[in-house]
Amino acid sequence: MKSFALAAALVAASALGALAQQAPVQLSSAIQTQIRAWIPGVDLSALTTAQYAQIVSLFASPDNLSGGSDPAGQVRAILNAQ
């Protein structure tokens, strides 16, 4: 009986960990506003963790956001790649 309870606890813990990894992530309102200014109507509600990380990384460097580096195109590529 103890081993069954332990196995059930391990399965439950694994399931919770999987749900936490798949939980939607949300960008800051400032980043969302800027992206929506570049790409009107874009849906940012279901970003993957990888997309979130790439976009935050993009916005972390001012060099990435200069006009010559096409930040809107970079965001489009990130959103379409996943």
N, C-alpha and C. Protein backbone atom coordinates (compact mmCIF):
# COMPACT_ATOMS: atom_id res chain seq x y z
N MET A 1 0.82 -1.19 0.00
CA MET A 1 0.00 0.00 0.00
C MET A 1 0.87 1.26 0.00
N LYS A 2 1.98 1.20 0.76
CA LYS A 2 2.86 2.36 0.81
C LYS A 2 3.48 2.64 -0.56
N SER A 3 3.85 1.59 -1.27
CA SER A 3 4.46 1.79 -2.59
C SER A 3 3.45 2.36 -3.58
N PHE A 4 2.19 1.97 -3.46
CA PHE A 4 1.16 2.53 -4.33
C PHE A 4 0.98 4.02 -4.06
N ALA A 5 0.96 4.41 -2.80
CA ALA A 5 0.82 5.83 -2.44
C ALA A 5 2.02 6.62 -2.94
N LEU A 6 3.20 6.05 -2.80
CA LEU A 6 4.40 6.72 -3.28
C LEU A 6 4.37 6.88 -4.79
N ALA A 7 3.96 5.83 -5.49
CA ALA A 7 3.88 5.90 -6.96
C ALA A 7 2.85 6.94 -7.39
N ALA A 8 1.71 6.99 -6.71
CA ALA A 8 0.69 7.98 -7.04
C ALA A 8 1.21 9.40 -6.81
N ALA A 9 1.95 9.60 -5.74
CA ALA A 9 2.51 10.92 -5.45
C ALA A 9 3.52 11.32 -6.52
N LEU A 10 4.34 10.38 -6.96
CA LEU A 10 5.32 10.68 -8.00
C LEU A 10 4.65 11.03 -9.33
N VAL A 11 3.60 10.31 -9.68
CA VAL A 11 2.87 10.60 -10.91
C VAL A 11 2.24 11.98 -10.83
N ALA A 12 1.64 12.31 -9.69
CA ALA A 12 1.02 13.62 -9.52
C ALA A 12 2.06 14.74 -9.62
N ALA A 13 3.21 14.54 -9.00
CA ALA A 13 4.26 15.55 -9.06
C ALA A 13 4.76 15.73 -10.49
N SER A 14 4.89 14.66 -11.22
CA SER A 14 5.33 14.75 -12.62
C SER A 14 4.32 15.51 -13.46
N ALA A 15 3.05 15.25 -13.24
CA ALA A 15 2.01 15.92 -14.00
C ALA A 15 2.01 17.42 -13.73
N LEU A 16 2.20 17.80 -12.48
CA LEU A 16 2.23 19.22 -12.14
C LEU A 16 3.44 19.90 -12.77
N GLY A 17 4.57 19.22 -12.80
CA GLY A 17 5.76 19.78 -13.44
C GLY A 17 5.55 19.98 -14.91
N ALA A 18 4.90 19.06 -15.57
CA ALA A 18 4.63 19.19 -17.01
C ALA A 18 3.68 20.34 -17.28
N LEU A 19 2.68 20.50 -16.44
CA LEU A 19 1.75 21.63 -16.62
C LEU A 19 2.46 22.96 -16.43
N ALA A 20 3.35 23.04 -15.48
CA ALA A 20 4.07 24.28 -15.23
C ALA A 20 4.94 24.66 -16.42
N GLN A 21 5.52 23.68 -17.10
CA GLN A 21 6.37 23.96 -18.25
C GLN A 21 5.54 24.43 -19.44
N GLN A 22 4.30 24.03 -19.52
CA GLN A 22 3.47 24.38 -20.66
C GLN A 22 2.59 25.59 -20.39
N ALA A 23 2.69 26.16 -19.19
CA ALA A 23 1.87 27.31 -18.86
C ALA A 23 2.20 28.47 -19.79
N PRO A 24 1.20 29.20 -20.25
CA PRO A 24 1.48 30.32 -21.14
C PRO A 24 2.30 31.40 -20.44
N VAL A 25 3.15 32.03 -21.19
CA VAL A 25 3.97 33.11 -20.66
C VAL A 25 3.50 34.41 -21.30
N GLN A 26 3.67 35.50 -20.60
CA GLN A 26 3.18 36.77 -21.10
C GLN A 26 4.28 37.82 -21.03
N LEU A 27 4.43 38.54 -22.11
CA LEU A 27 5.41 39.62 -22.19
C LEU A 27 4.94 40.81 -21.38
N SER A 28 5.86 41.69 -21.02
CA SER A 28 5.48 42.91 -20.32
C SER A 28 4.59 43.75 -21.23
N SER A 29 3.80 44.62 -20.62
CA SER A 29 2.89 45.45 -21.42
C SER A 29 3.66 46.38 -22.35
N ALA A 30 4.84 46.84 -21.94
CA ALA A 30 5.64 47.72 -22.80
C ALA A 30 6.10 46.99 -24.06
N ILE A 31 6.55 45.76 -23.90
CA ILE A 31 6.99 44.99 -25.06
C ILE A 31 5.80 44.66 -25.95
N GLN A 32 4.67 44.27 -25.35
CA GLN A 32 3.48 43.96 -26.13
C GLN A 32 3.03 45.18 -26.93
N THR A 33 3.05 46.34 -26.32
CA THR A 33 2.63 47.57 -26.99
C THR A 33 3.53 47.86 -28.19
N GLN A 34 4.83 47.70 -28.00
CA GLN A 34 5.77 47.97 -29.10
C GLN A 34 5.56 46.98 -30.24
N ILE A 35 5.41 45.70 -29.91
CA ILE A 35 5.19 44.69 -30.95
C ILE A 35 3.90 44.97 -31.70
N ARG A 36 2.85 45.33 -30.99
CA ARG A 36 1.56 45.63 -31.65
C ARG A 36 1.63 46.89 -32.51
N ALA A 37 2.52 47.81 -32.17
CA ALA A 37 2.72 48.99 -33.02
C ALA A 37 3.39 48.58 -34.33
N TRP A 38 4.31 47.62 -34.26
CA TRP A 38 4.99 47.13 -35.47
C TRP A 38 4.11 46.18 -36.27
N ILE A 39 3.36 45.33 -35.57
CA ILE A 39 2.57 44.27 -36.22
C ILE A 39 1.14 44.33 -35.69
N PRO A 40 0.32 45.22 -36.23
CA PRO A 40 -1.05 45.34 -35.73
C PRO A 40 -1.81 44.02 -35.84
N GLY A 41 -2.58 43.71 -34.81
CA GLY A 41 -3.40 42.51 -34.82
C GLY A 41 -2.68 41.23 -34.45
N VAL A 42 -1.40 41.31 -34.10
CA VAL A 42 -0.64 40.11 -33.75
C VAL A 42 -1.21 39.49 -32.47
N ASP A 43 -1.22 38.16 -32.43
CA ASP A 43 -1.71 37.43 -31.27
C ASP A 43 -0.51 37.02 -30.42
N LEU A 44 -0.42 37.58 -29.23
CA LEU A 44 0.68 37.27 -28.32
C LEU A 44 0.20 36.46 -27.12
N SER A 45 -1.00 35.89 -27.22
CA SER A 45 -1.60 35.22 -26.07
C SER A 45 -1.09 33.81 -25.83
N ALA A 46 -0.51 33.17 -26.81
CA ALA A 46 -0.10 31.77 -26.65
C ALA A 46 1.36 31.57 -26.99
N LEU A 47 2.22 32.41 -26.47
CA LEU A 47 3.65 32.27 -26.73
C LEU A 47 4.21 31.04 -26.04
N THR A 48 5.12 30.38 -26.72
CA THR A 48 5.85 29.29 -26.08
C THR A 48 6.94 29.91 -25.21
N THR A 49 7.50 29.10 -24.37
CA THR A 49 8.60 29.58 -23.52
C THR A 49 9.78 30.01 -24.39
N ALA A 50 10.02 29.28 -25.46
CA ALA A 50 11.14 29.62 -26.36
C ALA A 50 10.89 30.95 -27.05
N GLN A 51 9.67 31.17 -27.53
CA GLN A 51 9.34 32.45 -28.18
C GLN A 51 9.49 33.60 -27.20
N TYR A 52 8.99 33.40 -25.99
CA TYR A 52 9.09 34.43 -24.96
C TYR A 52 10.56 34.78 -24.72
N ALA A 53 11.38 33.78 -24.54
CA ALA A 53 12.80 34.01 -24.27
C ALA A 53 13.48 34.75 -25.42
N GLN A 54 13.16 34.37 -26.65
CA GLN A 54 13.77 35.02 -27.82
C GLN A 54 13.34 36.48 -27.92
N ILE A 55 12.07 36.75 -27.67
CA ILE A 55 11.59 38.14 -27.76
C ILE A 55 12.17 38.99 -26.65
N VAL A 56 12.22 38.46 -25.44
CA VAL A 56 12.81 39.22 -24.33
C VAL A 56 14.28 39.49 -24.62
N SER A 57 14.98 38.51 -25.17
CA SER A 57 16.38 38.69 -25.54
C SER A 57 16.53 39.77 -26.62
N LEU A 58 15.64 39.76 -27.57
CA LEU A 58 15.66 40.77 -28.63
C LEU A 58 15.52 42.17 -28.04
N PHE A 59 14.59 42.33 -27.10
CA PHE A 59 14.35 43.64 -26.50
C PHE A 59 15.40 44.03 -25.47
N ALA A 60 16.24 43.11 -25.06
CA ALA A 60 17.26 43.40 -24.05
C ALA A 60 18.40 44.25 -24.60
N SER A 61 18.59 44.24 -25.91
CA SER A 61 19.69 45.00 -26.50
C SER A 61 19.14 46.11 -27.40
N PRO A 62 19.50 47.36 -27.10
CA PRO A 62 19.03 48.47 -27.95
C PRO A 62 19.49 48.34 -29.40
N ASP A 63 20.63 47.68 -29.62
CA ASP A 63 21.12 47.50 -30.99
C ASP A 63 20.15 46.67 -31.83
N ASN A 64 19.47 45.72 -31.18
CA ASN A 64 18.50 44.88 -31.89
C ASN A 64 17.26 45.64 -32.32
N LEU A 65 17.00 46.77 -31.67
CA LEU A 65 15.76 47.51 -31.91
C LEU A 65 15.94 48.70 -32.83
N SER A 66 17.15 48.90 -33.32
CA SER A 66 17.37 50.02 -34.23
C SER A 66 16.69 49.74 -35.56
N GLY A 67 16.36 50.79 -36.26
CA GLY A 67 15.64 50.65 -37.53
C GLY A 67 16.34 49.78 -38.54
N GLY A 68 17.66 49.82 -38.60
CA GLY A 68 18.41 49.06 -39.59
C GLY A 68 18.41 47.56 -39.34
N SER A 69 18.05 47.13 -38.13
CA SER A 69 18.08 45.69 -37.84
C SER A 69 16.72 45.02 -38.02
N ASP A 70 15.72 45.76 -38.44
CA ASP A 70 14.37 45.23 -38.71
C ASP A 70 13.80 44.43 -37.54
N PRO A 71 13.57 45.09 -36.40
CA PRO A 71 13.05 44.36 -35.24
C PRO A 71 11.67 43.74 -35.50
N ALA A 72 10.84 44.40 -36.29
CA ALA A 72 9.52 43.83 -36.59
C ALA A 72 9.67 42.52 -37.35
N GLY A 73 10.60 42.47 -38.28
CA GLY A 73 10.86 41.24 -39.02
C GLY A 73 11.40 40.14 -38.12
N GLN A 74 12.23 40.54 -37.16
CA GLN A 74 12.78 39.55 -36.23
C GLN A 74 11.66 38.96 -35.36
N VAL A 75 10.74 39.81 -34.90
CA VAL A 75 9.62 39.33 -34.10
C VAL A 75 8.74 38.41 -34.94
N ARG A 76 8.46 38.79 -36.18
CA ARG A 76 7.67 37.93 -37.06
C ARG A 76 8.33 36.56 -37.23
N ALA A 77 9.65 36.55 -37.41
CA ALA A 77 10.39 35.30 -37.58
C ALA A 77 10.29 34.44 -36.32
N ILE A 78 10.39 35.05 -35.17
CA ILE A 78 10.27 34.32 -33.91
C ILE A 78 8.88 33.71 -33.77
N LEU A 79 7.86 34.49 -34.08
CA LEU A 79 6.50 34.01 -33.92
C LEU A 79 6.15 32.93 -34.93
N ASN A 80 6.72 32.99 -36.12
CA ASN A 80 6.42 32.00 -37.15
C ASN A 80 7.27 30.75 -37.07
N ALA A 81 8.37 30.81 -36.32
CA ALA A 81 9.30 29.69 -36.27
C ALA A 81 8.81 28.56 -35.37
N GLN A 82 7.94 28.82 -34.46
CA GLN A 82 7.52 27.79 -33.49
C GLN A 82 6.24 27.13 -33.92
